[in-house]
Protein backbone atom coordinates (compact mmCIF):
# COMPACT_ATOMS: atom_id res chain seq x y z
CA MET A 1 6.11 -7.04 -22.15
CA ASN A 2 8.17 -5.21 -24.73
CA ARG A 3 8.37 -2.17 -22.46
CA ILE A 4 10.70 -4.13 -20.14
CA PRO A 5 13.72 -5.21 -22.20
CA GLY A 6 14.89 -8.68 -21.28
CA LEU A 7 11.68 -9.83 -19.57
CA ARG A 8 10.77 -12.32 -22.29
CA GLU A 9 14.22 -13.84 -22.02
CA TYR A 10 14.00 -13.86 -18.21
CA ILE A 11 10.87 -16.01 -18.09
CA ARG A 12 12.59 -18.57 -20.34
CA ARG A 13 15.47 -19.01 -17.88
CA PRO A 14 15.78 -22.53 -16.42
CA ALA A 15 16.00 -21.24 -12.83
CA PHE A 16 12.72 -19.33 -13.21
CA ARG A 17 10.89 -22.28 -14.75
CA GLN A 18 12.26 -24.88 -12.36
CA ALA A 19 11.21 -22.82 -9.33
CA LEU A 20 7.64 -22.71 -10.63
CA GLY A 21 7.47 -26.21 -12.09
CA ILE A 22 7.11 -24.95 -15.67
CA PRO A 23 8.56 -27.26 -18.37
CA ALA A 24 11.32 -25.79 -20.52
CA GLY A 25 9.32 -25.88 -23.73
CA ALA A 26 5.96 -24.75 -22.31
CA GLU A 27 4.57 -21.48 -23.61
CA ILE A 28 3.91 -18.60 -21.19
CA ALA A 29 1.92 -15.63 -22.44
CA PRO A 30 1.84 -12.88 -19.78
CA ARG A 31 -0.63 -10.06 -20.39
CA LEU A 32 -0.70 -6.68 -18.71
CA LEU A 33 -2.88 -6.81 -15.61
CA ALA A 34 -2.30 -3.53 -13.81
CA GLN A 35 0.41 -1.07 -12.93
CA GLY A 36 1.07 1.14 -9.96
CA GLU A 37 3.71 3.76 -9.40
CA TYR A 38 6.52 1.28 -8.69
CA ASN A 39 5.31 -2.06 -10.05
CA ILE A 40 4.02 -3.50 -13.32
CA ASN A 41 1.85 -6.61 -12.97
CA TYR A 42 1.26 -9.25 -15.64
CA ALA A 43 -1.18 -12.15 -15.49
CA PHE A 44 -0.45 -15.58 -16.92
CA THR A 45 -1.72 -19.15 -16.59
CA HIS A 46 0.55 -21.88 -15.30
CA PRO A 47 0.81 -24.27 -18.27
CA VAL A 48 0.75 -27.39 -16.04
CA THR A 49 -1.58 -26.60 -13.13
CA GLY A 50 -3.82 -24.16 -14.96
CA LYS A 51 -3.67 -21.77 -11.99
CA PRO A 52 -3.82 -18.03 -12.73
CA LEU A 53 -0.68 -16.27 -11.56
CA VAL A 54 0.76 -12.76 -11.32
CA LEU A 55 4.20 -11.82 -12.59
CA ARG A 56 5.11 -8.65 -10.68
CA VAL A 57 8.01 -6.51 -11.87
CA ASN A 58 9.27 -3.99 -9.33
CA THR A 59 10.78 -0.79 -10.74
CA GLY A 60 11.55 1.14 -7.54
CA SER A 61 11.32 1.15 -3.76
CA GLN A 62 9.42 3.66 -1.65
CA MET A 63 11.27 2.20 1.32
CA HIS A 64 14.68 2.67 -0.34
CA LEU A 65 15.42 -1.07 -0.09
CA ALA A 66 18.06 -2.85 -2.12
CA ASP A 67 15.77 -5.90 -2.32
CA GLN A 68 12.27 -4.44 -2.36
CA ILE A 69 10.70 -7.53 -3.93
CA GLY A 70 12.31 -9.83 -1.36
CA TYR A 71 10.80 -7.77 1.45
CA GLU A 72 7.34 -8.05 -0.11
CA TYR A 73 7.78 -11.80 -0.67
CA SER A 74 8.69 -12.35 3.00
CA ALA A 75 5.59 -10.46 4.18
CA LEU A 76 3.33 -12.53 1.93
CA ARG A 77 4.79 -15.76 3.26
CA LEU A 78 4.31 -14.51 6.81
CA LEU A 79 0.64 -13.68 6.17
CA GLU A 80 -0.33 -16.80 4.24
CA PRO A 81 -2.09 -18.37 7.29
CA SER A 82 -4.63 -15.52 7.20
CA GLY A 83 -6.15 -16.83 3.98
CA ARG A 84 -6.56 -13.20 2.92
CA THR A 85 -3.39 -12.59 0.87
CA PRO A 86 -1.96 -14.14 -2.30
CA ALA A 87 0.41 -17.07 -1.90
CA ALA A 88 3.92 -16.02 -2.93
CA LEU A 89 5.62 -18.60 -5.16
CA TYR A 90 8.88 -17.03 -6.38
CA ALA A 91 11.03 -13.97 -5.83
CA ASP A 92 14.26 -12.71 -7.37
CA GLY A 93 15.60 -9.42 -6.07
CA SER A 94 19.15 -9.92 -7.31
CA ARG A 95 18.64 -7.85 -10.49
CA GLU A 96 21.38 -10.02 -11.98
CA HIS A 97 19.47 -11.08 -15.10
CA LEU A 98 16.98 -8.20 -15.20
CA PRO A 99 17.41 -4.67 -13.82
CA TYR A 100 14.22 -5.07 -11.76
CA GLY A 101 12.93 -7.32 -8.98
CA VAL A 102 10.56 -10.13 -9.95
CA LEU A 103 7.82 -11.78 -7.88
CA VAL A 104 5.34 -14.50 -8.84
CA MET A 105 2.20 -15.00 -6.74
CA GLU A 106 -1.27 -16.40 -7.19
CA LEU A 107 -3.86 -14.26 -8.97
CA LEU A 108 -6.87 -13.91 -6.70
CA PRO A 109 -10.42 -13.15 -7.86
CA GLY A 110 -12.48 -10.12 -6.94
CA ARG A 111 -13.35 -6.52 -7.65
CA ALA A 112 -12.22 -3.29 -6.02
CA LEU A 113 -13.81 -2.35 -2.71
CA ASP A 114 -16.87 -0.09 -2.69
CA TYR A 115 -16.90 2.16 0.40
CA ARG A 116 -20.69 2.17 0.44
CA ARG A 117 -21.25 -1.60 0.16
CA ASP A 118 -18.20 -3.50 1.36
CA MET A 119 -17.18 -2.14 4.77
CA ASP A 120 -18.19 -5.35 6.59
CA ALA A 121 -16.02 -7.39 4.24
CA ALA A 122 -13.07 -5.01 4.69
CA ALA A 123 -13.36 -5.08 8.49
CA ALA A 124 -13.35 -8.90 8.56
CA CYS A 125 -10.45 -9.07 6.11
CA LEU A 126 -8.28 -6.68 8.12
CA ALA A 127 -9.11 -8.37 11.42
CA ASP A 128 -8.03 -11.74 9.99
CA ILE A 129 -4.76 -10.30 8.71
CA HIS A 130 -4.03 -8.42 11.92
CA SER A 131 -4.68 -11.56 13.98
CA VAL A 132 -1.72 -13.44 12.44
CA PRO A 133 0.92 -13.86 15.20
CA VAL A 134 4.15 -12.02 14.40
CA ASP A 135 7.43 -12.18 16.27
CA GLY A 136 8.40 -8.55 15.76
CA PRO A 137 12.23 -8.63 15.81
CA ALA A 138 12.44 -12.03 14.10
CA SER A 139 9.89 -11.27 11.37
CA GLY A 140 12.22 -9.16 9.26
CA LEU A 141 9.62 -6.38 9.18
CA PHE A 142 10.65 -2.82 9.88
CA SER A 143 9.20 -1.45 13.11
CA PRO A 144 9.57 2.32 13.72
CA GLU A 145 9.88 3.19 17.42
CA ASP A 146 7.91 6.39 16.82
CA PRO A 147 5.42 5.52 14.05
CA LEU A 148 3.80 8.95 13.85
CA GLY A 149 7.19 10.63 13.80
CA ALA A 150 8.38 8.18 11.15
CA ILE A 151 5.44 9.09 8.90
CA LEU A 152 6.15 12.78 9.36
CA ASP A 153 9.85 12.27 8.62
CA GLU A 154 8.83 10.50 5.43
CA CYS A 155 6.51 13.41 4.61
CA GLU A 156 9.34 15.92 5.03
CA GLN A 157 11.62 13.84 2.83
CA MET A 158 9.04 13.44 0.06
CA VAL A 159 7.86 17.04 -0.02
CA ARG A 160 11.44 18.31 -0.36
CA THR A 161 11.22 17.30 -4.03
CA TYR A 162 8.33 19.74 -4.42
CA TYR A 163 9.86 22.53 -2.37
CA ASP A 164 13.04 22.39 -4.47
CA SER A 165 11.31 22.24 -7.85
CA PRO A 166 10.92 25.33 -10.07
CA LEU A 167 7.52 23.86 -11.03
CA ALA A 168 6.15 24.20 -7.49
CA ASP A 169 3.30 26.55 -6.64
CA ARG A 170 4.56 28.61 -3.69
CA SER A 171 1.10 29.02 -2.18
CA VAL A 172 0.66 25.24 -2.18
CA ALA A 173 4.12 24.80 -0.63
CA ASP A 174 3.22 27.26 2.13
CA ARG A 175 -0.03 25.42 2.89
CA ILE A 176 1.84 22.12 3.14
CA ARG A 177 4.46 23.62 5.46
CA ARG A 178 1.76 24.85 7.82
CA LEU A 179 0.01 21.48 7.81
CA LEU A 180 3.26 19.65 8.58
CA ALA A 181 4.00 21.99 11.47
CA ALA A 182 0.53 21.30 12.87
CA GLY A 183 1.07 17.56 12.39
CA ARG A 184 4.33 17.70 14.36
CA ALA A 185 2.54 19.42 17.21
CA LYS A 186 -0.25 16.82 17.19
CA ALA A 187 2.19 13.89 17.14
CA ALA A 188 4.44 15.29 19.87
CA ALA A 189 1.86 14.43 22.52
CA ALA A 190 1.72 10.76 21.55
CA ARG A 191 5.27 9.51 21.16
CA ARG A 192 4.79 6.50 23.43
CA MET A 193 1.70 4.73 22.22
CA GLY A 194 1.11 1.24 23.52
CA GLY A 195 -1.19 -1.39 22.11
CA TYR A 196 -1.16 -4.56 20.09
CA ARG A 197 1.32 -4.96 17.21
CA CYS A 198 1.07 -7.06 14.06
CA CYS A 199 1.94 -7.02 10.37
CA ILE A 200 0.24 -3.99 8.83
CA ASN A 201 -0.08 -3.09 5.15
CA THR A 202 0.13 0.75 5.48
CA GLU A 203 -1.38 1.35 1.99
CA LEU A 204 -5.03 0.35 2.13
CA ASN A 205 -6.39 1.84 -1.09
CA SER A 206 -9.75 0.51 -2.30
CA GLY A 207 -8.11 -1.08 -5.34
CA ASN A 208 -5.91 -3.25 -3.11
CA PHE A 209 -8.97 -5.08 -1.79
CA LEU A 210 -10.52 -7.85 -3.88
CA VAL A 211 -14.17 -8.31 -2.88
CA ASN A 212 -16.15 -11.39 -3.94
CA GLY A 213 -19.62 -10.88 -2.53
CA PRO A 214 -21.56 -12.32 0.44
CA GLY A 215 -20.23 -15.56 1.86
CA ARG A 216 -17.04 -15.41 -0.20
CA PRO A 217 -13.61 -14.17 0.93
CA CYS A 218 -12.30 -10.65 0.57
CA TYR A 219 -8.57 -10.43 -0.09
CA LEU A 220 -5.89 -7.76 0.35
CA VAL A 221 -3.11 -7.52 -2.24
CA ASP A 222 -0.14 -5.19 -2.86
CA TRP A 223 2.17 -5.67 0.13
CA GLU A 224 4.80 -3.19 -0.96
CA LYS A 225 5.27 -1.38 2.38
CA PRO A 226 4.38 -3.70 5.28
CA LEU A 227 5.53 -2.91 8.82
CA TYR A 228 5.37 -4.46 12.26
CA GLY A 229 3.10 -1.88 13.80
CA ASP A 230 -0.17 -0.68 15.25
CA PRO A 231 -3.35 -1.83 13.46
CA ALA A 232 -4.63 1.71 14.08
CA GLN A 233 -2.11 2.83 11.46
CA ASP A 234 -3.78 0.56 8.88
CA LEU A 235 -7.25 1.73 9.87
CA GLY A 236 -6.08 5.34 9.76
CA HIS A 237 -4.88 4.90 6.20
CA PHE A 238 -8.02 3.02 5.16
CA LEU A 239 -10.38 5.73 6.48
CA ALA A 240 -8.42 8.92 5.69
CA PRO A 241 -9.88 11.16 2.96
CA THR A 242 -6.56 11.11 1.11
CA THR A 243 -7.12 7.35 0.69
CA THR A 244 -10.85 7.10 0.01
CA PHE A 245 -10.80 9.93 -2.53
CA TRP A 246 -7.81 8.46 -4.42
CA LYS A 247 -9.61 6.06 -6.77
CA THR A 248 -13.17 7.20 -6.02
CA ASP A 249 -14.98 10.41 -5.13
CA VAL A 250 -15.79 9.27 -1.58
CA ILE A 251 -14.86 11.12 1.60
CA LEU A 252 -16.26 9.28 4.62
CA THR A 253 -18.12 11.16 7.33
CA PRO A 254 -17.04 10.87 10.98
CA GLU A 255 -20.13 8.71 11.57
CA GLU A 256 -19.14 6.33 8.77
CA MET A 257 -15.61 6.09 10.18
CA ASP A 258 -16.98 5.26 13.63
CA ALA A 259 -19.30 2.61 12.19
CA PHE A 260 -16.41 0.92 10.40
CA THR A 261 -14.27 0.96 13.54
CA ASP A 262 -17.11 -0.71 15.43
CA ARG A 263 -17.28 -3.45 12.77
CA TYR A 264 -13.53 -4.01 12.97
CA VAL A 265 -13.53 -4.22 16.78
CA ARG A 266 -16.32 -6.80 16.67
CA ALA A 267 -14.40 -8.84 14.08
CA ALA A 268 -11.25 -8.71 16.24
CA ALA A 269 -12.99 -9.66 19.49
CA GLY A 270 -11.33 -12.53 21.33
CA ARG A 271 -8.32 -12.60 19.01
CA PHE A 272 -6.32 -9.49 19.85
CA GLU A 273 -6.51 -6.43 22.07
CA THR A 274 -8.28 -3.31 20.77
CA ASP A 275 -8.24 -1.14 23.91
CA GLY A 276 -7.24 2.42 23.03
CA LEU A 277 -7.61 1.76 19.30
CA ARG A 278 -10.00 4.67 18.71
CA GLN A 279 -7.74 7.15 20.51
CA ARG A 280 -4.74 6.10 18.43
CA LEU A 281 -6.83 6.13 15.27
CA ALA A 282 -7.73 9.79 15.93
CA LEU A 283 -4.01 10.55 15.61
CA PHE A 284 -3.19 8.32 12.66
CA ILE A 285 -5.92 9.70 10.38
CA PRO A 286 -4.67 13.33 10.36
CA ILE A 287 -1.03 12.28 10.01
CA THR A 288 -1.95 9.88 7.20
CA CYS A 289 -3.53 12.79 5.35
CA LEU A 290 -0.17 14.56 5.41
CA ARG A 291 1.53 11.51 3.96
CA GLY A 292 -0.95 11.42 1.09
CA VAL A 293 -0.54 15.10 0.30
CA THR A 294 3.27 15.10 0.46
CA TRP A 295 3.51 11.95 -1.67
CA CYS A 296 1.37 13.67 -4.28
CA ALA A 297 3.61 16.73 -4.16
CA MET A 298 6.70 14.60 -4.77
CA ALA A 299 5.11 12.43 -7.45
CA TRP A 300 3.64 15.48 -9.24
CA VAL A 301 7.18 16.70 -9.87
CA GLN A 302 8.51 13.24 -10.76
CA TYR A 303 5.70 12.69 -13.27
CA GLN A 304 6.97 15.57 -15.34
CA GLN A 305 10.50 14.19 -15.66
CA PRO A 306 11.39 12.71 -19.07
CA GLY A 307 11.94 8.98 -19.42
CA ARG A 308 9.62 7.86 -16.60
CA LEU A 309 8.76 4.17 -17.13
CA ILE A 310 5.33 4.26 -15.43
CA ARG A 311 2.87 7.11 -15.92
CA ASN A 312 -0.87 7.01 -15.17
CA GLU A 313 -2.79 10.02 -16.44
CA ASP A 314 -5.69 9.47 -14.02
CA THR A 315 -3.18 9.43 -11.18
CA PHE A 316 -1.65 12.70 -12.36
CA ARG A 317 -5.04 14.41 -12.42
CA LYS A 318 -5.77 13.14 -8.91
CA MET A 319 -2.43 14.51 -7.70
CA GLU A 320 -3.40 17.93 -8.96
CA ALA A 321 -6.74 17.67 -7.14
CA TYR A 322 -4.93 16.83 -3.87
CA LEU A 323 -2.62 19.81 -4.30
CA SER A 324 -5.48 22.23 -4.88
CA GLY A 325 -6.17 24.94 -2.33
CA ASP A 326 -9.69 23.57 -1.75
CA PHE A 327 -8.49 20.08 -0.86
CA LEU A 328 -5.65 21.26 1.38
CA ASP A 329 -7.98 23.67 3.16
CA MET A 330 -10.46 20.82 3.71
CA ILE A 331 -7.74 18.78 5.46
CA ARG A 332 -6.81 21.77 7.62
CA ARG A 333 -10.40 22.51 8.66
CA ARG A 334 -11.28 18.90 9.36
CA TYR A 335 -8.19 17.81 11.31
CA TYR A 336 -6.04 20.79 12.21
């Protein structure tokens, strides 16, 4: 906790303890649990209830929100009826007493998803989450009118960091430009997609699933960028090679993607409409690949800036793999 000045003092504050039912004199001993690119997570045990909890410290917002942690907290409260997400217990996005947002939620059990063993569990988990009724305008969730276009706009914004950097490889930049142009052409034909809408995660990496084996629940954590949108966008992110290859060495075949989609449709049956899902999925997967590549291009530059609070060496090596000519050419051959 020493890497975040003021955090020890923050968790002693009366307002923090009262909100969680922690007595003033009770000891809390958070330990590092995991860290992503914009959040540092600590685990601790509630000294009264004995429940394992997560103390999540948010250091930045991919969505450029003033209250990133409040947005995540609201999504978790919305999805609590699914039984597939952690219960959110406390949020402070004021940054009044700490220069970062703070969230406390329950710590759920489980291991990271295995793409070869756990696709049934993932399909059931996503169908349960997507079945939660959401009143779009009243939910507080962002809802892009043109979701494919919104992803591509985000891609253009992110990759600008790479284009403008003296560290950039010009051949890589040229490959990305060509892929983005092809993505724009592909998305132009599908600006008015219909279909069911719900709360979607948009970042379905294998490490965000917590799998507990047959007959036990699978959970989905890390709700940093939820939207009110098309479940095909979630499935597109889950299946895209830029996602599956991120923490593993797996790139799913078209047959494996189809088999997962079949599982998901069966799990959703009778709860929400899936007509046209496969056609929309065929658009979201290629565009999702562009988002993964352009994020890597941006983050590759940012990782080399001095004073960065969070740096994962494995992540940096994976970024370089994604920006290789071989990987970019694979995306072009497979989808463009």
